Amino acid sequence: MLEQMVKEAVSHIPAPRDGRDYDPEVLKQAVNDAVANIPVPADGKSITPDDV
């Protein structure tokens, strides 16, 4: 019963269309936002195990 329910639910998920299932501009903005959130390193300061 559960297996049939899962198969039914998954059957409604549209198949990807050769890279067209995601807007490249949205992806570019998401990557740029993520990179912008990386802290800028301070000159002359190394990381320690506590930083990781």
C-alpha atoms as a PDB file:
ATOM      1  CA  MET A   1       0.000   0.000   0.000  1.00  0.00           C
ATOM      2  CA  LEU A   2       2.737   2.489   0.960  1.00  0.00           C
ATOM      3  CA  GLU A   3       4.784   1.550  -2.093  1.00  0.00           C
ATOM      4  CA  GLN A   4       1.803   2.261  -4.354  1.00  0.00           C
ATOM      5  CA  MET A   5       1.219   5.618  -2.644  1.00  0.00           C
ATOM      6  CA  VAL A   6       4.867   6.591  -3.171  1.00  0.00           C
ATOM      7  CA  LYS A   7       4.783   5.513  -6.826  1.00  0.00           C
ATOM      8  CA  GLU A   8       1.624   7.551  -7.344  1.00  0.00           C
ATOM      9  CA  ALA A   9       3.123  10.649  -5.714  1.00  0.00           C
ATOM     10  CA  VAL A  10       6.408  10.350  -7.623  1.00  0.00           C
ATOM     11  CA  SER A  11       4.574   9.899 -10.924  1.00  0.00           C
ATOM     12  CA  HIS A  12       3.283  13.481 -10.594  1.00  0.00           C
ATOM     13  CA  ILE A  13       6.785  14.977 -10.391  1.00  0.00           C
ATOM     14  CA  PRO A  14       7.634  16.445 -13.809  1.00  0.00           C
ATOM     15  CA  ALA A  15      10.716  15.082 -15.553  1.00  0.00           C
ATOM     16  CA  PRO A  16      13.676  17.491 -15.941  1.00  0.00           C
ATOM     17  CA  ARG A  17      14.006  19.090 -19.365  1.00  0.00           C
ATOM     18  CA  ASP A  18      17.701  19.113 -20.297  1.00  0.00           C
ATOM     19  CA  GLY A  19      18.780  21.849 -17.906  1.00  0.00           C
ATOM     20  CA  ARG A  20      15.617  23.880 -18.351  1.00  0.00           C
ATOM     21  CA  ASP A  21      14.119  22.865 -15.028  1.00  0.00           C
ATOM     22  CA  TYR A  22      15.870  25.763 -13.259  1.00  0.00           C
ATOM     23  CA  ASP A  23      16.268  29.370 -14.327  1.00  0.00           C
ATOM     24  CA  PRO A  24      19.995  30.082 -14.876  1.00  0.00           C
ATOM     25  CA  GLU A  25      19.627  33.666 -13.630  1.00  0.00           C
ATOM     26  CA  VAL A  26      18.063  32.468 -10.374  1.00  0.00           C
ATOM     27  CA  LEU A  27      20.903  29.970  -9.939  1.00  0.00           C
ATOM     28  CA  LYS A  28      23.515  32.643 -10.676  1.00  0.00           C
ATOM     29  CA  GLN A  29      21.974  34.968  -8.088  1.00  0.00           C
ATOM     30  CA  ALA A  30      21.811  32.166  -5.494  1.00  0.00           C
ATOM     31  CA  VAL A  31      25.509  31.379  -6.019  1.00  0.00           C
ATOM     32  CA  ASN A  32      26.472  35.055  -5.860  1.00  0.00           C
ATOM     33  CA  ASP A  33      24.492  35.489  -2.629  1.00  0.00           C
ATOM     34  CA  ALA A  34      26.136  32.415  -1.075  1.00  0.00           C
ATOM     35  CA  VAL A  35      29.633  33.570  -2.037  1.00  0.00           C
ATOM     36  CA  ALA A  36      28.924  37.073  -0.729  1.00  0.00           C
ATOM     37  CA  ASN A  37      28.080  35.557   2.671  1.00  0.00           C
ATOM     38  CA  ILE A  38      31.536  33.984   3.021  1.00  0.00           C
ATOM     39  CA  PRO A  39      33.429  36.037   5.617  1.00  0.00           C
ATOM     40  CA  VAL A  40      36.411  38.003   4.338  1.00  0.00           C
ATOM     41  CA  PRO A  41      39.648  36.728   5.894  1.00  0.00           C
ATOM     42  CA  ALA A  42      41.610  39.103   8.105  1.00  0.00           C
ATOM     43  CA  ASP A  43      45.177  39.864   7.007  1.00  0.00           C
ATOM     44  CA  GLY A  44      47.779  37.993   9.017  1.00  0.00           C
ATOM     45  CA  LYS A  45      45.324  35.823  10.939  1.00  0.00           C
ATOM     46  CA  SER A  46      45.290  32.068  10.444  1.00  0.00           C
ATOM     47  CA  ILE A  47      42.333  29.906  11.293  1.00  0.00           C
ATOM     48  CA  THR A  48      42.463  27.609  14.274  1.00  0.00           C
ATOM     49  CA  PRO A  49      40.693  24.298  14.908  1.00  0.00           C
ATOM     50  CA  ASP A  50      38.171  26.260  16.981  1.00  0.00           C
ATOM     51  CA  ASP A  51      37.293  28.325  13.892  1.00  0.00           C
ATOM     52  CA  VAL A  52      36.411  25.178  11.978  1.00  0.00           C
END
